[in-house]
Protein backbone atom coordinates (compact mmCIF):
# COMPACT_ATOMS: atom_id res chain seq x y z
CA MET A 1 0.00 0.00 0.00
CA GLN A 2 1.32 3.44 -0.97
CA ASP A 3 2.28 5.61 1.97
CA GLU A 4 0.22 8.75 2.45
CA PRO A 5 2.19 11.97 1.77
CA LYS A 6 3.62 13.63 4.84
CA ILE A 7 1.89 16.94 5.46
CA SER A 8 4.32 19.70 6.39
CA GLN A 9 3.65 22.11 9.23
CA ALA A 10 3.64 24.97 6.72
CA VAL A 11 0.67 23.41 4.88
CA ILE A 12 -1.18 22.79 8.15
CA ASP A 13 -0.58 26.41 9.15
CA ARG A 14 -2.20 27.57 5.89
CA LEU A 15 -5.39 25.52 6.31
CA PRO A 16 -7.12 27.87 8.79
CA ARG A 17 -6.45 30.77 6.41
CA TYR A 18 -8.03 28.86 3.53
CA LEU A 19 -11.01 28.13 5.74
CA ARG A 20 -11.39 31.78 6.69
CA TYR A 21 -11.39 33.00 3.09
CA LEU A 22 -13.72 30.22 1.94
CA GLY A 23 -16.09 31.03 4.79
CA ASP A 24 -16.23 34.65 3.62
CA LEU A 25 -16.90 33.53 0.03
CA ARG A 26 -19.64 31.19 1.19
CA ASP A 27 -21.28 33.98 3.19
CA GLN A 28 -21.21 36.13 0.05
CA GLY A 29 -23.05 33.43 -1.89
CA VAL A 30 -20.10 32.45 -4.10
CA GLU A 31 -20.63 28.88 -5.29
CA ARG A 32 -17.35 28.12 -7.03
CA ILE A 33 -13.90 29.62 -7.43
CA SER A 34 -10.75 28.83 -9.37
CA SER A 35 -7.33 28.44 -7.80
CA ARG A 36 -6.28 31.58 -9.68
CA ASP A 37 -9.09 33.71 -8.28
CA LEU A 38 -8.54 32.32 -4.79
CA SER A 39 -4.84 33.09 -5.05
CA LEU A 40 -5.61 36.70 -5.98
CA LEU A 41 -7.81 37.06 -2.91
CA MET A 42 -5.23 35.50 -0.61
CA HIS A 43 -2.17 37.13 -2.18
CA SER A 44 -0.75 33.66 -2.76
CA THR A 45 -0.05 31.64 -5.92
CA ALA A 46 -2.44 29.31 -7.74
CA SER A 47 0.22 26.60 -7.91
CA GLN A 48 0.73 26.73 -4.12
CA ILE A 49 -3.01 26.38 -3.54
CA ARG A 50 -3.29 23.45 -5.94
CA GLN A 51 -0.27 21.74 -4.38
CA ASP A 52 -1.72 22.13 -0.89
CA PHE A 53 -5.16 20.82 -1.86
CA ASN A 54 -3.70 17.92 -3.86
CA LEU A 55 -2.11 16.62 -0.66
CA PHE A 56 -5.64 15.95 0.59
CA GLY A 57 -7.17 14.68 -2.63
CA GLY A 58 -7.47 17.76 -4.80
CA PHE A 59 -11.17 18.73 -4.28
CA GLY A 60 -11.41 20.53 -7.64
CA GLN A 61 -12.45 19.73 -11.20
CA GLN A 62 -10.52 20.90 -14.24
CA GLY A 63 -12.46 23.61 -16.03
CA TYR A 64 -14.79 24.09 -13.06
CA GLY A 65 -12.57 25.03 -10.14
CA TYR A 66 -13.60 24.40 -6.56
CA ASN A 67 -17.06 24.17 -5.09
CA VAL A 68 -16.77 26.67 -2.24
CA ASP A 69 -19.19 24.98 0.16
CA HIS A 70 -17.69 21.52 -0.41
CA LEU A 71 -14.12 22.77 -0.06
CA TYR A 72 -15.01 24.68 3.11
CA SER A 73 -16.55 21.53 4.61
CA GLU A 74 -13.61 19.33 3.61
CA ILE A 75 -10.99 21.66 5.07
CA GLY A 76 -13.09 21.94 8.21
CA ARG A 77 -13.15 18.14 8.43
CA ILE A 78 -9.36 17.97 7.99
CA LEU A 79 -9.01 20.48 10.82
CA GLY A 80 -11.32 18.41 13.02
CA LEU A 81 -14.11 20.98 12.95
CA ASP A 82 -16.73 18.41 11.99
CA LYS A 83 -16.97 17.41 15.64
CA GLU A 84 -17.61 19.35 18.82
CA HIS A 85 -14.71 20.16 21.14
CA ARG A 86 -15.44 20.69 24.83
CA LEU A 87 -13.28 23.30 26.54
CA ILE A 88 -12.61 24.92 29.87
CA ILE A 89 -10.71 28.08 30.71
CA VAL A 90 -8.35 28.21 33.68
CA GLY A 91 -7.86 31.85 34.59
CA ALA A 92 -10.84 34.22 34.70
CA GLY A 93 -8.90 37.45 34.25
CA HIS A 94 -9.29 39.85 31.35
CA LEU A 95 -7.86 37.47 28.73
CA GLY A 96 -9.83 34.47 29.96
CA GLN A 97 -13.05 36.48 29.94
CA ALA A 98 -12.34 37.85 26.45
CA LEU A 99 -11.83 34.35 25.08
CA ALA A 100 -14.98 33.07 26.77
CA ASN A 101 -17.00 35.87 25.19
CA TYR A 102 -15.69 35.39 21.64
CA ALA A 103 -18.72 34.07 19.77
CA ASN A 104 -16.87 32.68 16.75
CA PHE A 105 -15.38 29.82 18.77
CA GLU A 106 -18.75 28.16 19.23
CA LYS A 107 -19.54 28.62 15.53
CA ARG A 108 -16.45 26.52 14.81
CA GLY A 109 -17.48 23.81 17.28
CA PHE A 110 -15.39 24.94 20.26
CA VAL A 111 -17.80 24.99 23.19
CA PHE A 112 -16.73 26.47 26.53
CA LEU A 113 -18.35 24.62 29.40
CA GLY A 114 -16.53 25.99 32.42
CA ILE A 115 -14.20 28.70 33.67
CA PHE A 116 -12.03 28.46 36.79
CA ASP A 117 -9.95 30.78 38.95
CA ARG A 118 -8.21 30.59 42.32
CA ASP A 119 -9.23 34.13 43.30
CA PRO A 120 -12.17 33.90 45.75
CA ALA A 121 -13.30 37.38 44.66
CA LEU A 122 -14.08 36.00 41.20
CA SER A 123 -15.89 32.89 42.39
CA GLY A 124 -19.52 32.92 41.32
CA LYS A 125 -19.08 35.76 38.83
CA THR A 126 -20.86 35.13 35.50
CA VAL A 127 -18.73 35.08 32.36
CA ALA A 128 -20.41 34.20 29.04
CA ASP A 129 -23.26 32.45 30.89
CA MET A 130 -20.76 30.43 32.98
CA LYS A 131 -20.19 30.77 36.70
CA VAL A 132 -16.53 31.12 37.67
CA ARG A 133 -15.68 28.03 39.67
CA PRO A 134 -12.97 27.54 42.32
CA MET A 135 -9.92 25.46 41.41
CA GLU A 136 -11.02 22.79 43.88
CA GLU A 137 -13.77 21.81 41.43
CA LEU A 138 -11.43 21.54 38.41
CA VAL A 139 -10.65 17.82 38.38
CA GLY A 140 -14.21 16.69 39.01
CA PHE A 141 -15.57 19.01 36.33
CA VAL A 142 -13.06 17.81 33.71
CA THR A 143 -13.82 14.14 34.30
CA GLU A 144 -17.61 14.53 34.63
CA ASN A 145 -17.97 16.67 31.49
CA ASP A 146 -15.52 14.84 29.21
CA ILE A 147 -13.46 17.98 28.61
CA ASP A 148 -10.77 17.53 25.96
CA ILE A 149 -9.17 21.00 25.68
CA ALA A 150 -8.05 23.30 28.49
CA VAL A 151 -7.20 26.95 27.90
CA LEU A 152 -4.58 28.37 30.26
CA THR A 153 -4.71 32.13 30.85
CA ILE A 154 -2.87 32.08 34.16
CA PRO A 155 0.49 33.42 35.42
CA LYS A 156 3.67 31.62 34.39
CA THR A 157 4.33 30.38 37.92
CA ALA A 158 1.04 28.47 38.05
CA ALA A 159 1.08 27.04 34.53
CA VAL A 160 3.21 23.93 35.08
CA PRO A 161 1.48 22.61 38.24
CA VAL A 162 -1.95 23.32 36.77
CA SER A 163 -1.04 21.55 33.53
CA GLU A 164 0.00 18.48 35.53
CA ILE A 165 -3.37 18.47 37.31
CA LEU A 166 -5.18 18.76 33.97
CA VAL A 167 -3.20 15.95 32.35
CA ASN A 168 -3.85 13.66 35.32
CA ALA A 169 -7.56 14.51 35.03
CA GLY A 170 -7.62 13.35 31.40
CA ILE A 171 -7.09 16.52 29.34
CA LYS A 172 -5.60 15.69 25.93
CA ALA A 173 -4.87 19.20 24.61
CA ILE A 174 -3.85 22.53 26.12
CA TRP A 175 -4.09 25.97 24.54
CA ASN A 176 -1.40 27.72 26.53
CA PHE A 177 -1.35 31.51 26.88
CA ALA A 178 0.96 31.36 29.91
CA HIS A 179 4.58 32.32 29.26
CA ALA A 180 5.89 28.91 30.28
CA ASP A 181 6.93 25.72 28.53
CA LEU A 182 4.80 22.83 29.74
CA PRO A 183 6.60 19.49 30.29
CA VAL A 184 3.67 17.30 29.30
CA PRO A 185 3.87 13.55 28.54
CA PRO A 186 3.87 12.21 24.96
CA GLY A 187 0.43 12.25 23.40
CA ILE A 188 -0.65 15.48 25.07
CA MET A 189 -0.94 18.31 22.55
CA VAL A 190 0.08 21.83 23.50
CA GLU A 191 -0.38 24.95 21.39
CA ASN A 192 1.60 27.84 22.84
CA VAL A 193 0.41 31.40 22.21
CA HIS A 194 2.94 34.07 23.17
CA LEU A 195 1.32 37.44 22.52
CA THR A 196 4.49 39.41 23.22
CA ASP A 197 6.37 37.34 20.62
CA SER A 198 3.97 38.59 17.94
CA LEU A 199 4.51 42.17 19.04
CA MET A 200 8.28 41.69 18.98
CA HIS A 201 8.05 40.30 15.43
CA LEU A 202 6.12 43.42 14.47
CA SER A 203 8.66 45.61 16.27
CA TYR A 204 11.47 43.93 14.33
CA SER A 205 9.67 44.59 11.05
CA LEU A 206 9.24 48.25 11.97
CA ALA A 207 12.90 48.56 12.96
CA SER A 208 14.06 46.86 9.76
CA SER A 209 11.84 49.06 7.64
CA ALA A 210 13.11 52.19 9.37
CA GLY A 211 16.71 51.11 8.76
CA LYS A 212 16.10 50.92 5.00
CA GLU A 213 14.74 54.45 4.72
């Protein structure tokens, strides 16, 4: 049996962008689009788009292009968006509350079921129709509600011990906004989001641009 092609991280990183543009086209009532027209929208190349899609079976028809709704659904399936993901947030500060209130997550199948914080002053506060729960309830809630993704919006010093508690409770994936590397066991997926890194990349671009003037 022929081995399936290995999908590079660069291709995987482009899939959400494809989905975003296709979602906009679908909302506009566009039924089909060519790789050339899609490349013009995305400031990419038609050959790159075709190469990426061919890794997953192609999806298009010569002379017709791509059916927007079908392609949107297929990329969503590849990204695992054809199933519901159950999430909790650990850390009910400003960032945790902002994430909980972002409506587009639920449209993509990411459903927040609980939010937790160790600050007694926040306990019982309502955030996006969820009551902030104390950390003492974390393990029981994760196991009883079959939570598969935890979002960490807590200080660096608390991130590692909390991640260990979550892993022991059965969490399989962590979206980590804490500025700490998490030493999780094999099989546990971690996506690190360092907001200051993005700003520093932007700062570098500004500095480089200024140096060329």
